[in-house]
C-alpha cells in the first residue's frame, strides 16, 4: 500500500479512534473503537475538559474531569492509532510499536499528575500536561526502538 494511503489512515485515526480501522475495512474493530472512544469521552467529560482547557479554565477542567474514566483514554487512543497504521501496511520494521506504547505510557502518567503538576507557576491540567508528556514518550520510544533494532542487527 502506498505511503499516502497509510498516512491517510493514520491521520484519520488520530482525528478519531476507529476511523482508521473503518478505512482499513476492519468494521467490527472500528465500531468497537468508536464505541469505546464515545463511551470514555462522555464518561470522562473529555470534550468539556478540552473546552475549559483551551479557554484557560484549568481548575474547572480538573474539577470536571472524571479521572477514573479519563485514565482509559490514552491507551485506547494510541492503540487505535497503532492498529490503523499497522493494518494499513505501516510498521513492518521490528519494534515499530514501541513509540506508540511509550506515548500511551507517558500520556497516562501526564493524566495521573495533571491535578498537581505546576510548571512555571501554571497548573497545566488534564489536557496540556498529557500533551506535553507525549513528546518525551515518543522520543524515548523512538530511542528504545532504535537501540533494539541496532542490537537485533548485531
Protein backbone atom coordinates (compact mmCIF):
# COMPACT_ATOMS: atom_id res chain seq x y z
CA UNK A 1 0.00 0.00 0.00
CA UNK A 2 1.24 3.49 -0.76
CA UNK A 3 2.57 5.69 2.00
CA UNK A 4 -0.14 8.23 1.12
CA UNK A 5 -2.84 5.66 1.98
CA UNK A 6 -1.00 4.62 5.14
CA UNK A 7 -0.73 8.27 6.21
CA UNK A 8 -4.40 8.87 5.41
CA UNK A 9 -5.49 6.06 7.71
CA UNK A 10 -3.03 7.08 10.41
CA UNK A 11 -4.26 10.69 10.37
CA UNK A 12 -7.94 9.73 10.43
CA UNK A 13 -7.23 7.51 13.41
CA UNK A 14 -5.51 10.43 15.16
CA UNK A 15 -8.59 12.55 14.43
CA UNK A 16 -10.98 9.97 15.88
CA UNK A 17 -10.09 6.47 17.07
CA UNK A 18 -11.85 3.88 14.94
CA UNK A 19 -11.92 5.91 11.71
CA UNK A 20 -8.63 4.38 10.54
CA UNK A 21 -9.97 0.89 11.15
CA UNK A 22 -13.13 1.68 9.14
CA UNK A 23 -10.97 2.92 6.26
CA UNK A 24 -8.97 -0.32 6.54
CA UNK A 25 -12.28 -2.23 6.21
CA UNK A 26 -11.94 -3.57 9.76
CA UNK A 27 -15.56 -2.77 10.54
CA UNK A 28 -16.00 -4.72 13.77
CA UNK A 29 -12.79 -3.40 15.29
CA UNK A 30 -13.55 0.14 14.08
CA UNK A 31 -17.04 0.03 15.56
CA UNK A 32 -15.70 -1.20 18.91
CA UNK A 33 -13.08 1.55 18.99
CA UNK A 34 -15.65 4.20 18.02
CA UNK A 35 -17.93 2.96 20.79
CA UNK A 36 -15.09 2.97 23.35
CA UNK A 37 -14.00 6.45 22.23
CA UNK A 38 -17.54 7.77 22.65
CA UNK A 39 -18.13 5.98 25.98
CA UNK A 40 -14.85 7.11 27.57
CA UNK A 41 -15.17 10.62 26.15
CA UNK A 42 -18.67 11.09 27.59
CA UNK A 43 -17.95 9.43 30.95
CA UNK A 44 -14.71 11.38 31.45
CA UNK A 45 -16.37 14.66 30.31
CA UNK A 46 -13.45 14.97 27.93
CA UNK A 47 -14.97 17.45 25.46
CA UNK A 48 -15.89 19.80 28.32
CA UNK A 49 -12.38 19.39 29.78
CA UNK A 50 -10.90 20.31 26.39
CA UNK A 51 -13.11 23.39 26.13
CA UNK A 52 -12.22 24.53 29.66
CA UNK A 53 -8.53 23.94 28.98
CA UNK A 54 -8.47 25.84 25.70
CA UNK A 55 -10.22 28.74 27.42
CA UNK A 56 -7.63 28.82 30.22
CA UNK A 57 -10.01 27.48 32.87
CA UNK A 58 -7.68 24.73 34.05
CA UNK A 59 -9.06 24.49 37.60
CA UNK A 60 -12.55 23.92 36.17
CA UNK A 61 -11.13 21.28 33.81
CA UNK A 62 -9.54 19.44 36.75
CA UNK A 63 -12.74 19.65 38.80
CA UNK A 64 -14.93 18.50 35.91
CA UNK A 65 -12.73 15.56 34.87
CA UNK A 66 -13.71 12.05 35.84
CA UNK A 67 -10.22 10.63 36.21
CA UNK A 68 -11.42 7.04 36.63
CA UNK A 69 -12.62 7.21 33.02
CA UNK A 70 -10.03 9.63 31.67
CA UNK A 71 -7.19 7.24 32.53
CA UNK A 72 -8.50 4.78 29.93
CA UNK A 73 -8.28 7.30 27.12
CA UNK A 74 -4.52 7.37 26.28
CA UNK A 75 -4.19 3.61 25.82
CA UNK A 76 -7.32 3.29 23.67
CA UNK A 77 -6.27 6.34 21.66
CA UNK A 78 -2.70 5.22 20.90
CA UNK A 79 -3.71 1.60 20.35
CA UNK A 80 -6.24 2.75 17.73
CA UNK A 81 -3.58 4.84 16.00
CA UNK A 82 -1.04 1.99 16.03
CA UNK A 83 -3.59 -0.56 14.85
CA UNK A 84 -4.80 1.58 11.93
CA UNK A 85 -1.21 2.28 10.92
CA UNK A 86 -0.26 -1.42 11.10
CA UNK A 87 -3.36 -2.64 9.26
CA UNK A 88 -2.74 -0.06 6.51
CA UNK A 89 0.69 -1.62 5.88
CA UNK A 90 2.90 0.54 8.08
CA UNK A 91 5.03 -0.56 10.98
CA UNK A 92 6.67 -3.51 9.27
CA UNK A 93 10.09 -2.84 10.77
CA UNK A 94 10.97 -4.52 14.08
CA UNK A 95 9.82 -2.80 17.27
CA UNK A 96 7.80 -0.19 15.36
CA UNK A 97 5.07 -0.38 18.01
CA UNK A 98 7.34 0.90 20.79
CA UNK A 99 6.97 4.67 20.18
CA UNK A 100 3.17 4.27 20.26
CA UNK A 101 3.32 2.30 23.52
CA UNK A 102 5.64 4.77 25.21
CA UNK A 103 3.44 7.65 24.03
CA UNK A 104 0.48 5.94 25.73
CA UNK A 105 2.51 5.33 28.93
CA UNK A 106 3.74 8.90 29.21
CA UNK A 107 0.40 10.50 28.37
CA UNK A 108 -1.22 8.29 31.03
CA UNK A 109 1.35 9.49 33.56
CA UNK A 110 0.53 13.04 32.47
CA UNK A 111 -3.14 12.41 33.22
CA UNK A 112 -2.27 10.96 36.63
CA UNK A 113 -0.26 14.02 37.68
CA UNK A 114 -2.39 16.62 35.90
CA UNK A 115 -4.15 17.67 39.10
CA UNK A 116 -0.97 18.70 40.83
CA UNK A 117 1.92 19.47 38.45
CA UNK A 118 2.64 23.19 38.22
CA UNK A 119 5.23 24.39 35.70
CA UNK A 120 6.44 28.00 35.86
CA UNK A 121 3.60 28.75 38.26
CA UNK A 122 0.93 27.33 35.95
CA UNK A 123 -1.26 24.30 36.54
CA UNK A 124 -1.39 22.53 33.17
CA UNK A 125 -4.33 20.24 33.91
CA UNK A 126 -5.76 17.15 32.21
CA UNK A 127 -5.26 18.31 28.61
CA UNK A 128 -1.99 20.25 28.45
CA UNK A 129 0.20 18.15 30.78
CA UNK A 130 -0.62 14.89 28.96
CA UNK A 131 0.07 16.60 25.61
CA UNK A 132 3.44 17.81 26.88
CA UNK A 133 4.17 14.29 28.20
CA UNK A 134 3.62 12.93 24.70
CA UNK A 135 6.88 14.47 23.48
CA UNK A 136 9.27 12.66 25.87
CA UNK A 137 7.19 9.49 25.48
CA UNK A 138 7.65 9.49 21.72
CA UNK A 139 11.33 10.43 21.93
CA UNK A 140 12.10 7.71 24.47
CA UNK A 141 10.07 5.20 22.45
CA UNK A 142 11.95 6.12 19.28
CA UNK A 143 15.28 5.84 21.10
CA UNK A 144 14.40 2.40 22.53
CA UNK A 145 13.18 1.23 19.10
CA UNK A 146 16.43 2.42 17.51
CA UNK A 147 18.58 0.70 20.15
CA UNK A 148 16.65 -2.59 19.97
CA UNK A 149 16.81 -2.53 16.17
CA UNK A 150 20.56 -1.84 16.31
CA UNK A 151 21.07 -4.77 18.70
CA UNK A 152 18.96 -7.03 16.54
CA UNK A 153 21.26 -6.33 13.58
CA UNK A 154 24.43 -7.11 15.56
